[in-house]
Structures are given as C-alpha cells and as structure tokens.
Amino acid sequence: MATNDTAWTLESVQQLTAMAREGIPVSVMSLKLRRPIEIVAAKLTQLGLTPAPETGA
C-alpha cells in the first residue's frame, strides 16, 4: 500500500472521518489505517477535521 496522501480511497477517508468524529487520537488512526502519523494528520487537516488529543505518557 502506498503511504502518501494521493492514495486515499473513499473507504479510507470515510474510516478516517468516522474515527475523528469518535474522538480517536491520530496515533491510533495511524495504526488502524497503516499510514504514517504525519500523513493521517495532514489528511485530517485537508478535510478540516480536528483530531482528538493524544492520551497517555
């Protein structure tokens, strides 16, 4: 799977949007989508979505 933001499928974007609405942190989204944190964060910004704050240490 490509790891750049040009390879986002509709399904991936829908999954990302749903996770953002559920308040899931970017680090968890990154793992679930198998994409680098930077790419996930950039896509959220592009979509106008604010990610949940990271929790833990």
Protein backbone atom coordinates (compact mmCIF):
# COMPACT_ATOMS: atom_id res chain seq x y z
CA MET A 1 0.00 0.00 0.00
CA ALA A 2 1.28 3.44 -0.84
CA THR A 3 1.89 5.71 2.12
CA ASN A 4 1.30 9.08 0.52
CA ASP A 5 -1.86 11.14 0.61
CA THR A 6 -2.54 10.64 -3.12
CA ALA A 7 -3.54 7.02 -2.45
CA TRP A 8 -6.52 7.72 -0.15
CA THR A 9 -9.56 5.69 -1.17
CA LEU A 10 -13.13 6.73 -0.42
CA GLU A 11 -13.34 3.91 2.12
CA SER A 12 -10.16 5.09 3.88
CA VAL A 13 -11.41 8.67 4.02
CA GLN A 14 -14.76 7.53 5.43
CA GLN A 15 -12.99 5.42 8.05
CA LEU A 16 -10.72 8.35 8.96
CA THR A 17 -13.69 10.71 9.25
CA ALA A 18 -15.61 8.27 11.44
CA MET A 19 -12.63 7.81 13.76
CA ALA A 20 -12.15 11.58 14.02
CA ARG A 21 -15.79 12.02 14.99
CA GLU A 22 -15.41 9.29 17.62
CA GLY A 23 -12.52 11.18 19.18
CA ILE A 24 -9.81 8.64 18.37
CA PRO A 25 -6.24 10.05 18.59
CA VAL A 26 -4.14 10.34 15.43
CA SER A 27 -1.65 7.74 16.67
CA VAL A 28 -4.43 5.12 16.87
CA MET A 29 -5.85 6.16 13.49
CA SER A 30 -2.38 5.77 12.04
CA LEU A 31 -2.13 2.20 13.30
CA LYS A 32 -5.62 1.24 12.12
CA LEU A 33 -5.11 2.76 8.67
CA ARG A 34 -1.49 1.55 8.40
CA ARG A 35 -0.27 5.01 7.44
CA PRO A 36 2.33 7.32 9.00
CA ILE A 37 1.05 9.71 11.65
CA GLU A 38 2.17 12.71 9.57
CA ILE A 39 0.09 11.57 6.58
CA VAL A 40 -3.00 10.93 8.71
CA ALA A 41 -2.65 14.33 10.40
CA ALA A 42 -2.22 16.05 7.04
CA LYS A 43 -5.34 14.38 5.65
CA LEU A 44 -7.35 15.42 8.71
CA THR A 45 -6.20 19.00 8.19
CA GLN A 46 -7.08 18.80 4.49
CA LEU A 47 -10.57 17.59 5.42
CA GLY A 48 -10.97 20.33 8.04
CA LEU A 49 -11.18 17.84 10.91
CA THR A 50 -9.60 18.36 14.30
CA PRO A 51 -8.04 15.24 15.79
CA ALA A 52 -8.57 14.22 19.40
CA PRO A 53 -5.71 14.99 21.79
CA GLU A 54 -3.24 12.19 22.44
CA THR A 55 -3.65 10.44 25.76
CA GLY A 56 -1.12 8.71 27.97
CA ALA A 57 2.54 9.40 28.56
